[in-house]
Every structure is written in C-alpha cells, then in structure tokens.
Amino acid sequence: MPDEAVLSNDKKFTSFSYDHYVIRFTSSPKLEKYTRIVKWDHGYIVVTAVYEGIGEVEEYIDLVPILENLYMNPDTFLDPIRKVRIAYD
C-alpha cells in the first residue's frame, strides 16, 4: 500500500486521493489551484492556494469530519498516509 496521497481541485471541487479512494468535497469556486503542502498532520492539511481576485493564501483542510460523514474510520484510513502531494492532470 502506498504511503502518499494526492490533493487537487477542479472547478468547485477538491479531491483527496489515496490508494483506490477518491474523496471529493466542495471548495470555493474562486479557488484556482493548490500550490504547496505546508504541513500534513493525520488528516489536517495546511496548504497554500491561489484564489481568483485574492492571490495566494494559506488554507486549512480537516479531513476527519469529512471521513466521519462518509462513515469511514479516520484513523484506519489516515494512519498509512505519510505524505500528501499536489498533482494536476
């Protein structure tokens, strides 16, 4: 099993991909792209992102409540992930 997940966005959705899972959740339609992962801490991501009309800002994503809403065990899902990278097709 890989230890790296991928973060990306497309239009108004953010995607977090790991193993064979792709978790999509809404984000601002002004979000143009993620630029850098600042910190990964077991489901909590600090990332820089570029927003239309604002420029680059630091943003925070907490995956734990998203996973809980999907009836997934956050610890089981997140434990193997050691790194998150940004990637676009």
N, C-alpha and C. Protein backbone atom coordinates (compact mmCIF):
# COMPACT_ATOMS: atom_id res chain seq x y z
N MET A 1 0.84 -1.18 0.00
CA MET A 1 0.00 0.00 0.00
C MET A 1 0.89 1.25 0.00
N PRO A 2 0.57 2.22 -0.83
CA PRO A 2 1.38 3.44 -0.87
C PRO A 2 1.22 4.27 0.40
N ASP A 3 2.19 5.14 0.65
CA ASP A 3 2.09 5.98 1.84
C ASP A 3 1.90 7.45 1.47
N GLU A 4 1.54 7.71 0.20
CA GLU A 4 1.39 9.08 -0.29
C GLU A 4 -0.02 9.29 -0.86
N ALA A 5 -0.61 10.42 -0.51
CA ALA A 5 -1.92 10.81 -1.03
C ALA A 5 -1.74 12.01 -1.95
N VAL A 6 -2.79 12.30 -2.73
CA VAL A 6 -2.72 13.39 -3.70
C VAL A 6 -3.90 14.33 -3.48
N LEU A 7 -3.58 15.63 -3.46
CA LEU A 7 -4.59 16.67 -3.34
C LEU A 7 -4.64 17.45 -4.64
N SER A 8 -5.84 17.75 -5.12
CA SER A 8 -6.02 18.56 -6.32
C SER A 8 -7.40 19.20 -6.29
N ASN A 9 -7.67 20.03 -7.28
CA ASN A 9 -9.01 20.62 -7.38
C ASN A 9 -9.38 20.77 -8.84
N ASP A 10 -10.67 20.84 -9.07
CA ASP A 10 -11.21 21.03 -10.41
C ASP A 10 -12.52 21.79 -10.25
N LYS A 11 -12.54 23.00 -10.76
CA LYS A 11 -13.71 23.88 -10.65
C LYS A 11 -14.03 24.10 -9.17
N LYS A 12 -15.19 23.68 -8.69
CA LYS A 12 -15.54 23.95 -7.30
C LYS A 12 -15.36 22.75 -6.37
N PHE A 13 -14.63 21.74 -6.82
CA PHE A 13 -14.40 20.56 -6.00
C PHE A 13 -12.92 20.34 -5.71
N THR A 14 -12.64 19.90 -4.51
CA THR A 14 -11.31 19.45 -4.13
C THR A 14 -11.34 17.94 -4.08
N SER A 15 -10.26 17.31 -4.52
CA SER A 15 -10.15 15.85 -4.49
C SER A 15 -8.95 15.46 -3.63
N PHE A 16 -9.18 14.48 -2.77
CA PHE A 16 -8.13 13.88 -1.97
C PHE A 16 -8.10 12.41 -2.34
N SER A 17 -7.02 11.97 -2.97
CA SER A 17 -6.93 10.60 -3.48
C SER A 17 -5.89 9.83 -2.70
N TYR A 18 -6.28 8.63 -2.31
CA TYR A 18 -5.35 7.73 -1.64
C TYR A 18 -5.76 6.30 -1.93
N ASP A 19 -4.76 5.49 -2.30
CA ASP A 19 -4.98 4.09 -2.65
C ASP A 19 -6.05 4.06 -3.74
N HIS A 20 -7.16 3.39 -3.54
CA HIS A 20 -8.21 3.36 -4.57
C HIS A 20 -9.38 4.28 -4.23
N TYR A 21 -9.21 5.14 -3.24
CA TYR A 21 -10.26 6.08 -2.84
C TYR A 21 -10.02 7.46 -3.44
N VAL A 22 -11.11 8.09 -3.85
CA VAL A 22 -11.09 9.49 -4.26
C VAL A 22 -12.22 10.18 -3.50
N ILE A 23 -11.84 11.06 -2.59
CA ILE A 23 -12.81 11.77 -1.78
C ILE A 23 -12.92 13.18 -2.33
N ARG A 24 -14.12 13.55 -2.75
CA ARG A 24 -14.34 14.88 -3.31
C ARG A 24 -15.24 15.67 -2.38
N PHE A 25 -14.90 16.94 -2.22
CA PHE A 25 -15.73 17.82 -1.41
C PHE A 25 -15.69 19.22 -2.02
N THR A 26 -16.72 20.00 -1.72
CA THR A 26 -16.82 21.32 -2.33
C THR A 26 -15.78 22.28 -1.76
N SER A 27 -15.35 23.16 -2.62
CA SER A 27 -14.47 24.25 -2.22
C SER A 27 -14.97 25.50 -2.93
N SER A 28 -14.36 26.60 -2.68
CA SER A 28 -14.80 27.85 -3.28
C SER A 28 -14.65 27.81 -4.80
N PRO A 29 -15.62 28.33 -5.53
CA PRO A 29 -15.47 28.42 -6.99
C PRO A 29 -14.36 29.40 -7.39
N LYS A 30 -13.90 30.20 -6.45
CA LYS A 30 -12.79 31.14 -6.70
C LYS A 30 -11.42 30.48 -6.57
N LEU A 31 -11.40 29.25 -6.06
CA LEU A 31 -10.13 28.51 -5.91
C LEU A 31 -9.60 28.16 -7.29
N GLU A 32 -8.42 28.66 -7.61
CA GLU A 32 -7.80 28.34 -8.90
C GLU A 32 -6.96 27.08 -8.80
N LYS A 33 -6.07 27.02 -7.80
CA LYS A 33 -5.25 25.82 -7.64
C LYS A 33 -4.54 25.84 -6.29
N TYR A 34 -4.20 24.64 -5.86
CA TYR A 34 -3.34 24.49 -4.69
C TYR A 34 -1.90 24.59 -5.17
N THR A 35 -1.03 25.21 -4.36
CA THR A 35 0.35 25.41 -4.81
C THR A 35 1.38 24.68 -3.96
N ARG A 36 1.12 24.50 -2.67
CA ARG A 36 2.15 23.87 -1.83
C ARG A 36 1.52 23.29 -0.57
N ILE A 37 1.95 22.09 -0.22
CA ILE A 37 1.57 21.50 1.06
C ILE A 37 2.54 22.04 2.11
N VAL A 38 2.03 22.73 3.10
CA VAL A 38 2.87 23.28 4.16
C VAL A 38 3.05 22.24 5.26
N LYS A 39 1.96 21.55 5.60
CA LYS A 39 2.02 20.56 6.69
C LYS A 39 0.92 19.51 6.51
N TRP A 40 1.27 18.29 6.83
CA TRP A 40 0.32 17.18 6.87
C TRP A 40 0.38 16.62 8.28
N ASP A 41 -0.77 16.55 8.94
CA ASP A 41 -0.82 16.04 10.30
C ASP A 41 -2.06 15.17 10.49
N HIS A 42 -1.96 13.93 10.05
CA HIS A 42 -3.02 12.92 10.28
C HIS A 42 -4.42 13.46 9.97
N GLY A 43 -4.59 13.94 8.75
CA GLY A 43 -5.91 14.39 8.33
C GLY A 43 -6.07 15.89 8.29
N TYR A 44 -5.15 16.60 8.88
CA TYR A 44 -5.20 18.06 8.89
C TYR A 44 -4.12 18.56 7.93
N ILE A 45 -4.54 19.33 6.93
CA ILE A 45 -3.62 19.80 5.89
C ILE A 45 -3.55 21.32 5.93
N VAL A 46 -2.35 21.83 6.00
CA VAL A 46 -2.11 23.25 5.80
C VAL A 46 -1.53 23.36 4.40
N VAL A 47 -2.18 24.17 3.57
CA VAL A 47 -1.81 24.25 2.15
C VAL A 47 -1.88 25.70 1.69
N THR A 48 -1.05 26.06 0.72
CA THR A 48 -1.21 27.37 0.10
C THR A 48 -2.01 27.18 -1.19
N ALA A 49 -2.85 28.17 -1.47
CA ALA A 49 -3.73 28.08 -2.62
C ALA A 49 -3.87 29.46 -3.26
N VAL A 50 -4.11 29.46 -4.55
CA VAL A 50 -4.33 30.69 -5.29
C VAL A 50 -5.83 30.84 -5.54
N TYR A 51 -6.35 32.00 -5.16
CA TYR A 51 -7.77 32.32 -5.36
C TYR A 51 -7.90 33.48 -6.33
N GLU A 52 -8.89 33.39 -7.19
CA GLU A 52 -9.19 34.46 -8.13
C GLU A 52 -9.50 35.75 -7.38
N GLY A 53 -8.79 36.81 -7.71
CA GLY A 53 -9.04 38.11 -7.10
C GLY A 53 -8.37 38.32 -5.76
N ILE A 54 -7.77 37.27 -5.19
CA ILE A 54 -7.13 37.38 -3.88
C ILE A 54 -5.64 37.12 -3.97
N GLY A 55 -5.26 36.15 -4.76
CA GLY A 55 -3.87 35.73 -4.84
C GLY A 55 -3.64 34.50 -3.98
N GLU A 56 -2.39 34.33 -3.55
CA GLU A 56 -2.02 33.14 -2.78
C GLU A 56 -2.26 33.36 -1.29
N VAL A 57 -2.93 32.40 -0.66
CA VAL A 57 -3.23 32.44 0.77
C VAL A 57 -3.01 31.06 1.38
N GLU A 58 -2.86 31.02 2.69
CA GLU A 58 -2.76 29.76 3.40
C GLU A 58 -4.17 29.29 3.74
N GLU A 59 -4.40 28.01 3.57
CA GLU A 59 -5.71 27.43 3.80
C GLU A 59 -5.56 26.18 4.65
N TYR A 60 -6.63 25.80 5.33
CA TYR A 60 -6.62 24.65 6.23
C TYR A 60 -7.74 23.70 5.85
N ILE A 61 -7.39 22.43 5.72
CA ILE A 61 -8.37 21.39 5.38
C ILE A 61 -8.32 20.33 6.47
N ASP A 62 -9.48 20.03 7.05
CA ASP A 62 -9.58 18.98 8.06
C ASP A 62 -10.38 17.82 7.47
N LEU A 63 -9.71 16.72 7.19
CA LEU A 63 -10.37 15.57 6.56
C LEU A 63 -11.17 14.71 7.55
N VAL A 64 -10.88 14.81 8.84
CA VAL A 64 -11.53 13.93 9.82
C VAL A 64 -13.06 14.04 9.77
N PRO A 65 -13.65 15.24 9.85
CA PRO A 65 -15.12 15.29 9.79
C PRO A 65 -15.68 14.84 8.45
N ILE A 66 -14.93 15.04 7.38
CA ILE A 66 -15.38 14.58 6.07
C ILE A 66 -15.44 13.05 6.05
N LEU A 67 -14.39 12.41 6.54
CA LEU A 67 -14.37 10.95 6.60
C LEU A 67 -15.46 10.41 7.52
N GLU A 68 -15.67 11.05 8.65
CA GLU A 68 -16.73 10.62 9.57
C GLU A 68 -18.11 10.73 8.91
N ASN A 69 -18.34 11.79 8.14
CA ASN A 69 -19.62 11.93 7.43
C ASN A 69 -19.81 10.87 6.37
N LEU A 70 -18.71 10.29 5.90
CA LEU A 70 -18.78 9.20 4.92
C LEU A 70 -18.80 7.82 5.61
N TYR A 71 -18.93 7.83 6.93
CA TYR A 71 -18.93 6.61 7.74
C TYR A 71 -17.65 5.80 7.57
N MET A 72 -16.55 6.52 7.42
CA MET A 72 -15.23 5.88 7.33
C MET A 72 -14.51 6.12 8.65
N ASN A 73 -13.72 5.16 9.07
CA ASN A 73 -12.92 5.32 10.27
C ASN A 73 -11.70 6.17 9.93
N PRO A 74 -11.62 7.41 10.45
CA PRO A 74 -10.49 8.28 10.09
C PRO A 74 -9.13 7.69 10.43
N ASP A 75 -8.99 7.07 11.59
CA ASP A 75 -7.69 6.51 11.98
C ASP A 75 -7.26 5.41 11.03
N THR A 76 -8.16 4.51 10.69
CA THR A 76 -7.83 3.42 9.78
C THR A 76 -7.43 3.95 8.41
N PHE A 77 -8.17 4.93 7.92
CA PHE A 77 -7.89 5.48 6.59
C PHE A 77 -6.60 6.31 6.58
N LEU A 78 -6.39 7.13 7.59
CA LEU A 78 -5.29 8.09 7.59
C LEU A 78 -3.95 7.55 8.09
N ASP A 79 -3.96 6.52 8.92
CA ASP A 79 -2.72 6.02 9.53
C ASP A 79 -1.60 5.70 8.52
N PRO A 80 -1.89 5.07 7.39
CA PRO A 80 -0.79 4.73 6.47
C PRO A 80 -0.22 5.93 5.69
N ILE A 81 -0.94 7.05 5.67
CA ILE A 81 -0.52 8.19 4.84
C ILE A 81 0.59 8.96 5.56
N ARG A 82 1.73 9.07 4.92
CA ARG A 82 2.88 9.78 5.49
C ARG A 82 3.12 11.11 4.81
N LYS A 83 2.61 11.26 3.57
CA LYS A 83 2.89 12.45 2.79
C LYS A 83 1.71 12.75 1.88
N VAL A 84 1.49 14.04 1.62
CA VAL A 84 0.49 14.46 0.65
C VAL A 84 1.19 15.36 -0.35
N ARG A 85 0.89 15.13 -1.62
CA ARG A 85 1.47 15.98 -2.66
C ARG A 85 0.33 16.54 -3.49
N ILE A 86 0.62 17.62 -4.19
CA ILE A 86 -0.34 18.24 -5.09
C ILE A 86 -0.04 17.77 -6.50
N ALA A 87 -1.08 17.40 -7.23
CA ALA A 87 -0.89 16.95 -8.61
C ALA A 87 -2.11 17.31 -9.42
N TYR A 88 -1.85 17.72 -10.65
CA TYR A 88 -2.92 18.02 -11.61
C TYR A 88 -2.64 17.24 -12.88
N ASP A 89 -3.71 16.80 -13.54
CA ASP A 89 -3.57 16.05 -14.80
C ASP A 89 -3.09 16.93 -15.91
